[in-house]
Amino acid sequence: MRLVDTSAWIEWLIASPVGATVSANLPERTQWLVPTIVQLELAMWLTREAGEDKADQVIAFTETCVVADLDTAVGGGPLCPA
């Protein structure tokens, strides 16, 4: 499974040279991990840059991937105890 952060999503969506590299390394959707914070960041960026309709389309796409709810129950380690 591979987590794709917001900056990689943006590069992929704008089809930049970095986005082409990202695209070559994306797994199948069943192996593509999308944290809910990334969904939020994408929705905010896309609404600002491309409008609400485009944001809705991309968020719908993220729902076909593996969505990880990140909340206070996620933790572990010295800086983020469970």
Protein backbone atom coordinates (compact mmCIF):
# COMPACT_ATOMS: atom_id res chain seq x y z
CA MET A 1 0.00 0.00 0.00
CA ARG A 2 1.27 3.49 -0.79
CA LEU A 3 0.28 6.78 0.81
CA VAL A 4 0.26 9.70 -1.62
CA ASP A 5 0.53 13.08 0.11
CA THR A 6 -1.26 16.25 -0.94
CA SER A 7 1.71 17.75 -2.79
CA ALA A 8 2.07 14.61 -4.92
CA TRP A 9 -1.66 14.68 -5.68
CA ILE A 10 -1.41 18.29 -6.82
CA GLU A 11 1.58 17.61 -9.06
CA TRP A 12 -0.28 14.63 -10.55
CA LEU A 13 -3.46 16.65 -11.08
CA ILE A 14 -1.70 19.55 -12.82
CA ALA A 15 0.31 17.10 -14.97
CA SER A 16 3.64 18.67 -14.08
CA PRO A 17 6.98 16.94 -14.78
CA VAL A 18 7.04 15.88 -11.12
CA GLY A 19 3.47 14.65 -11.60
CA ALA A 20 4.65 12.38 -14.41
CA THR A 21 7.17 10.82 -12.03
CA VAL A 22 4.48 10.46 -9.38
CA SER A 23 2.13 8.85 -11.92
CA ALA A 24 4.72 6.24 -12.82
CA ASN A 25 4.90 5.21 -9.15
CA LEU A 26 1.21 5.09 -8.27
CA PRO A 27 -0.18 1.70 -7.30
CA GLU A 28 -3.57 0.29 -8.27
CA ARG A 29 -6.45 2.01 -6.48
CA THR A 30 -6.85 -0.93 -4.10
CA GLN A 31 -3.31 -0.17 -2.87
CA TRP A 32 -3.57 3.64 -2.85
CA LEU A 33 -3.94 4.97 0.71
CA VAL A 34 -5.70 8.33 1.09
CA PRO A 35 -5.82 9.82 4.58
CA THR A 36 -8.86 11.97 5.32
CA ILE A 37 -6.57 14.97 5.93
CA VAL A 38 -5.35 14.65 2.33
CA GLN A 39 -8.96 14.64 1.15
CA LEU A 40 -9.57 17.84 3.12
CA GLU A 41 -6.44 19.55 1.81
CA LEU A 42 -7.26 18.54 -1.77
CA ALA A 43 -10.84 19.74 -1.48
CA MET A 44 -9.69 23.11 -0.16
CA TRP A 45 -7.00 23.54 -2.85
CA LEU A 46 -9.21 22.37 -5.71
CA THR A 47 -12.14 24.53 -4.65
CA ARG A 48 -9.84 27.55 -4.62
CA GLU A 49 -7.96 26.71 -7.86
CA ALA A 50 -10.52 24.91 -10.02
CA GLY A 51 -13.95 25.27 -8.43
CA GLU A 52 -16.28 23.14 -6.39
CA ASP A 53 -17.30 20.82 -9.25
CA LYS A 54 -13.69 19.75 -9.90
CA ALA A 55 -13.11 19.33 -6.17
CA ASP A 56 -16.16 17.06 -5.96
CA GLN A 57 -14.88 14.96 -8.87
CA VAL A 58 -11.45 14.44 -7.34
CA ILE A 59 -12.85 13.65 -3.90
CA ALA A 60 -15.16 11.11 -5.54
CA PHE A 61 -12.06 9.55 -7.13
CA THR A 62 -10.33 9.39 -3.74
CA GLU A 63 -13.30 7.41 -2.44
CA THR A 64 -12.38 4.61 -4.90
CA CYS A 65 -9.02 4.30 -3.11
CA VAL A 66 -8.38 3.10 0.44
CA VAL A 67 -9.48 5.95 2.71
CA ALA A 68 -7.83 6.09 6.14
CA ASP A 69 -9.69 7.97 8.85
CA LEU A 70 -7.07 9.78 10.88
CA ASP A 71 -8.28 10.74 14.32
CA THR A 72 -7.02 10.84 17.87
CA ALA A 73 -7.14 7.04 18.09
CA VAL A 74 -4.29 6.84 15.57
CA GLY A 75 -1.02 7.17 17.40
CA GLY A 76 1.98 5.53 18.86
CA GLY A 77 5.54 6.54 19.53
CA PRO A 78 6.94 9.09 21.94
CA LEU A 79 5.49 12.16 20.22
CA CYS A 80 2.06 10.72 19.54
CA PRO A 81 1.11 8.21 22.26
CA ALA A 82 -1.82 5.94 21.54
